[in-house]
């Protein structure tokens, strides 16, 4: 079982956000699948339909699946450092660095459908800009306000069409690569990135996520860390399906 912590209406008509409590990666992936199946069954009995499509309606905010991650060692959250200015540990920064570094390849796994890229466009609260911020909803990675054991990193480009088992494994490997190789994410972005044009983004060195599944799977082909997170067999099958899907 899993605990629902909060639920509320979202920006789009008939759109809702439901958040459940963190657990280890495998249990949380199980919870995602259980949650989707249970929701579909309950809503079907009421004579309605539920969709987890990333972008079911043109011109209306799409549906993301924001994933919060933290690393615990001996019961302590190693992302928390009470003595640093932003209370983020160096490990947390490097983990963010890994997520940002691998985000283009990750998008093939965490936003794995043609429809996913209808959501990842500017102007609809969807994170297309490869940057991180503290409580900044316009960046790909956001650090929510709570600190202490609640310190965590929110990755905002996954959507509900993904396979959570593959998505969580790939995200963890990307973050751990950041820690293992001291990948510095630079300074946090505190401005609203949605307001920048191409020149403004270039001046700040902010790149964008792939704008199509085609771009995303080509990024995955060139990223050995994310490929290895899937393993050879799953990677080959996955790419075969993605290429057919794009065709």
Protein backbone atom coordinates (compact mmCIF):
# COMPACT_ATOMS: atom_id res chain seq x y z
CA UNK A 1 0.00 0.00 0.00
CA UNK A 2 1.04 3.65 -0.21
CA UNK A 3 0.01 6.87 1.52
CA UNK A 4 -1.51 9.77 -0.39
CA UNK A 5 -0.10 12.95 1.17
CA UNK A 6 -1.90 15.67 -0.77
CA UNK A 7 -4.31 16.11 -3.67
CA UNK A 8 -5.62 19.23 -5.33
CA UNK A 9 -7.10 20.58 -8.55
CA UNK A 10 -4.58 21.67 -11.17
CA UNK A 11 -4.56 24.35 -13.89
CA UNK A 12 -6.34 22.41 -16.66
CA UNK A 13 -10.06 21.55 -16.67
CA UNK A 14 -10.62 18.19 -14.94
CA UNK A 15 -6.91 18.03 -14.10
CA UNK A 16 -5.75 16.89 -10.67
CA UNK A 17 -2.47 16.43 -8.84
CA UNK A 18 -2.21 13.54 -6.39
CA UNK A 19 1.05 13.06 -4.49
CA UNK A 20 2.01 10.01 -2.49
CA UNK A 21 4.66 9.53 0.16
CA UNK A 22 8.22 8.63 -0.79
CA UNK A 23 9.63 5.12 -0.48
CA UNK A 24 12.47 3.23 -2.09
CA UNK A 25 12.59 3.26 -5.91
CA UNK A 26 11.08 -0.19 -6.51
CA UNK A 27 8.16 0.31 -4.10
CA UNK A 28 7.48 3.75 -5.54
CA UNK A 29 7.42 2.35 -9.09
CA UNK A 30 4.95 -0.31 -7.88
CA UNK A 31 2.86 2.48 -6.34
CA UNK A 32 2.77 4.43 -9.63
CA UNK A 33 1.42 1.38 -11.51
CA UNK A 34 -1.08 0.52 -8.74
CA UNK A 35 -2.23 4.14 -8.56
CA UNK A 36 -2.86 4.40 -12.32
CA UNK A 37 -4.74 1.07 -12.50
CA UNK A 38 -6.85 1.83 -9.40
CA UNK A 39 -7.72 5.31 -10.62
CA UNK A 40 -8.80 4.01 -14.02
CA UNK A 41 -10.96 1.29 -12.44
CA UNK A 42 -12.66 3.64 -9.96
CA UNK A 43 -13.33 6.37 -12.50
CA UNK A 44 -14.62 3.86 -15.05
CA UNK A 45 -17.28 2.75 -12.52
CA UNK A 46 -18.42 6.37 -12.24
CA UNK A 47 -19.04 6.58 -15.98
CA UNK A 48 -16.08 8.90 -16.64
CA UNK A 49 -12.73 8.43 -18.31
CA UNK A 50 -9.31 9.17 -16.88
CA UNK A 51 -6.28 9.77 -19.06
CA UNK A 52 -2.61 9.89 -18.13
CA UNK A 53 -1.65 11.28 -21.52
CA UNK A 54 1.02 13.98 -21.14
CA UNK A 55 -0.88 16.39 -23.39
CA UNK A 56 -4.50 15.36 -23.97
CA UNK A 57 -5.73 18.81 -25.08
CA UNK A 58 -4.11 21.41 -27.31
CA UNK A 59 -3.68 24.81 -25.67
CA UNK A 60 -4.21 23.48 -22.13
CA UNK A 61 -1.53 22.59 -19.55
CA UNK A 62 -0.28 19.03 -19.93
CA UNK A 63 0.13 16.42 -17.19
CA UNK A 64 3.57 15.78 -15.73
CA UNK A 65 4.81 13.27 -13.19
CA UNK A 66 7.23 15.28 -11.08
CA UNK A 67 9.61 12.88 -9.34
CA UNK A 68 11.23 13.80 -6.01
CA UNK A 69 14.51 12.09 -5.17
CA UNK A 70 16.69 11.98 -2.06
CA UNK A 71 19.50 9.68 -0.94
CA UNK A 72 19.58 8.22 2.58
CA UNK A 73 22.55 6.64 4.34
CA UNK A 74 22.18 5.11 7.83
CA UNK A 75 18.80 6.84 8.21
CA UNK A 76 20.16 10.30 7.36
CA UNK A 77 19.38 12.31 4.26
CA UNK A 78 22.74 13.02 2.64
CA UNK A 79 21.26 15.80 0.48
CA UNK A 80 20.85 18.01 3.57
CA UNK A 81 23.68 20.18 4.90
CA UNK A 82 22.58 22.61 7.65
CA UNK A 83 25.84 24.56 7.33
CA UNK A 84 25.65 25.48 3.62
CA UNK A 85 23.89 28.65 2.52
CA UNK A 86 21.08 26.87 0.64
CA UNK A 87 21.23 23.85 3.02
CA UNK A 88 22.08 21.55 0.10
CA UNK A 89 25.03 19.20 0.52
CA UNK A 90 27.77 18.89 -2.09
CA UNK A 91 26.37 15.42 -2.93
CA UNK A 92 22.98 16.99 -3.68
CA UNK A 93 24.64 19.51 -6.02
CA UNK A 94 26.58 16.80 -7.85
CA UNK A 95 23.40 14.67 -8.11
CA UNK A 96 21.66 17.66 -9.73
CA UNK A 97 24.68 18.04 -12.01
CA UNK A 98 24.26 14.43 -13.14
CA UNK A 99 20.53 14.88 -13.83
CA UNK A 100 21.19 18.02 -15.89
CA UNK A 101 24.15 16.48 -17.75
CA UNK A 102 22.11 13.43 -18.81
CA UNK A 103 18.70 15.12 -19.13
CA UNK A 104 18.51 14.96 -22.95
CA UNK A 105 19.05 11.18 -22.96
CA UNK A 106 16.84 10.73 -19.88
CA UNK A 107 13.97 12.44 -21.67
CA UNK A 108 13.71 9.44 -24.05
CA UNK A 109 12.89 7.26 -21.03
CA UNK A 110 10.98 9.62 -18.74
CA UNK A 111 9.00 11.29 -21.57
CA UNK A 112 8.85 8.32 -23.94
CA UNK A 113 5.94 8.99 -26.33
CA UNK A 114 5.37 11.23 -29.34
CA UNK A 115 2.66 12.97 -27.28
CA UNK A 116 5.19 13.68 -24.47
CA UNK A 117 6.82 16.38 -26.60
CA UNK A 118 3.51 18.17 -27.13
CA UNK A 119 3.72 18.86 -23.37
CA UNK A 120 7.39 19.91 -23.25
CA UNK A 121 6.86 23.29 -24.94
CA UNK A 122 7.32 26.80 -23.52
CA UNK A 123 4.37 28.58 -21.92
CA UNK A 124 2.53 25.79 -20.11
CA UNK A 125 4.52 25.36 -16.86
CA UNK A 126 6.36 22.43 -18.48
CA UNK A 127 10.10 22.36 -17.86
CA UNK A 128 11.98 22.55 -21.15
CA UNK A 129 15.03 24.44 -19.89
CA UNK A 130 18.06 22.50 -18.61
CA UNK A 131 18.76 24.37 -15.37
CA UNK A 132 18.01 24.06 -11.65
CA UNK A 133 16.48 26.50 -9.21
CA UNK A 134 15.40 26.81 -5.59
CA UNK A 135 11.58 26.80 -5.60
CA UNK A 136 11.75 27.87 -9.28
CA UNK A 137 8.97 26.26 -11.31
CA UNK A 138 10.41 27.33 -14.66
CA UNK A 139 13.50 25.10 -14.42
CA UNK A 140 13.93 21.38 -15.14
CA UNK A 141 15.16 20.66 -11.60
CA UNK A 142 13.60 22.36 -8.59
CA UNK A 143 14.49 22.20 -4.91
CA UNK A 144 11.26 22.21 -2.87
CA UNK A 145 11.15 24.39 0.24
CA UNK A 146 11.30 21.77 3.01
CA UNK A 147 14.70 21.00 4.52
CA UNK A 148 16.24 18.52 6.96
CA UNK A 149 15.23 14.93 6.17
CA UNK A 150 12.76 16.39 3.66
CA UNK A 151 15.53 17.85 1.48
CA UNK A 152 15.04 16.53 -2.03
CA UNK A 153 15.54 17.15 -5.72
CA UNK A 154 12.47 17.41 -7.97
CA UNK A 155 12.92 16.32 -11.60
CA UNK A 156 10.11 17.86 -13.61
CA UNK A 157 10.22 16.44 -17.13
CA UNK A 158 8.94 12.89 -16.46
CA UNK A 159 5.32 12.33 -17.45
CA UNK A 160 2.76 9.63 -16.57
CA UNK A 161 3.24 7.74 -19.86
CA UNK A 162 6.69 6.53 -18.75
CA UNK A 163 7.59 3.12 -17.39
CA UNK A 164 8.45 4.08 -13.78
CA UNK A 165 10.83 1.14 -13.30
CA UNK A 166 13.00 2.26 -16.21
CA UNK A 167 12.57 5.97 -15.42
CA UNK A 168 13.61 5.74 -11.77
CA UNK A 169 16.59 3.47 -12.54
CA UNK A 170 17.83 5.83 -15.26
CA UNK A 171 17.38 8.95 -13.10
CA UNK A 172 19.24 7.38 -10.17
CA UNK A 173 22.12 6.30 -12.41
CA UNK A 174 22.32 9.79 -13.93
CA UNK A 175 22.39 11.40 -10.48
CA UNK A 176 24.94 8.91 -9.15
CA UNK A 177 27.15 9.59 -12.17
CA UNK A 178 27.05 13.23 -11.10
CA UNK A 179 28.18 12.28 -7.58
CA UNK A 180 30.85 9.82 -8.76
CA UNK A 181 32.36 12.35 -11.18
CA UNK A 182 31.80 15.60 -9.22
CA UNK A 183 29.57 17.13 -11.91
CA UNK A 184 29.10 20.76 -10.89
CA UNK A 185 25.65 22.12 -11.84
CA UNK A 186 26.81 25.74 -11.40
CA UNK A 187 24.76 28.37 -9.63
CA UNK A 188 21.00 28.03 -9.16
CA UNK A 189 18.83 29.91 -11.66
CA UNK A 190 16.57 32.33 -9.78
CA UNK A 191 14.87 34.10 -12.69
CA UNK A 192 11.74 33.01 -14.56
CA UNK A 193 13.32 31.19 -17.51
CA UNK A 194 9.95 31.18 -19.34
CA UNK A 195 10.48 34.92 -19.90
CA UNK A 196 13.77 34.54 -21.81
CA UNK A 197 14.05 34.47 -25.60
CA UNK A 198 16.66 32.42 -27.51
CA UNK A 199 19.29 35.15 -27.09
CA UNK A 200 18.65 35.40 -23.34
CA UNK A 201 18.90 31.62 -22.92
CA UNK A 202 22.15 31.52 -24.92
CA UNK A 203 23.66 34.33 -22.84
CA UNK A 204 23.03 32.28 -19.68
CA UNK A 205 24.22 29.05 -21.30
CA UNK A 206 20.84 27.36 -20.77
CA UNK A 207 20.06 24.56 -23.24
CA UNK A 208 16.66 23.02 -23.91
CA UNK A 209 15.38 19.46 -23.76
CA UNK A 210 14.72 17.56 -27.00
CA UNK A 211 11.63 18.85 -28.78
CA UNK A 212 10.60 15.48 -30.22
CA UNK A 213 10.86 11.76 -29.49
CA UNK A 214 13.20 11.54 -32.51
CA UNK A 215 15.65 14.00 -30.94
CA UNK A 216 15.32 12.27 -27.56
CA UNK A 217 16.14 8.77 -28.74
CA UNK A 218 19.15 10.06 -30.67
CA UNK A 219 20.35 11.71 -27.45
CA UNK A 220 19.91 8.35 -25.69
CA UNK A 221 22.00 6.59 -28.36
CA UNK A 222 24.92 8.86 -27.43
CA UNK A 223 24.72 8.52 -23.63
CA UNK A 224 26.52 5.45 -22.28
CA UNK A 225 25.50 6.05 -18.63
CA UNK A 226 21.77 6.16 -19.33
CA UNK A 227 22.01 3.28 -21.81
CA UNK A 228 23.77 1.12 -19.21
CA UNK A 229 21.06 1.90 -16.66
CA UNK A 230 18.63 -0.03 -18.87
CA UNK A 231 21.01 -2.90 -19.65
CA UNK A 232 21.72 -4.17 -23.19
CA UNK A 233 18.58 -6.26 -23.63
CA UNK A 234 16.08 -3.63 -22.46
CA UNK A 235 17.93 -0.85 -24.28
CA UNK A 236 17.79 -2.68 -27.63
CA UNK A 237 14.11 -3.56 -27.23
CA UNK A 238 13.27 -0.05 -26.05
CA UNK A 239 15.04 1.65 -28.99
CA UNK A 240 13.43 -0.73 -31.46
CA UNK A 241 9.97 0.20 -30.14
CA UNK A 242 10.77 3.96 -30.08
CA UNK A 243 11.97 3.96 -33.69
CA UNK A 244 8.84 2.11 -34.83
CA UNK A 245 6.71 4.51 -32.80
CA UNK A 246 8.37 7.52 -34.46
CA UNK A 247 8.00 5.99 -37.95
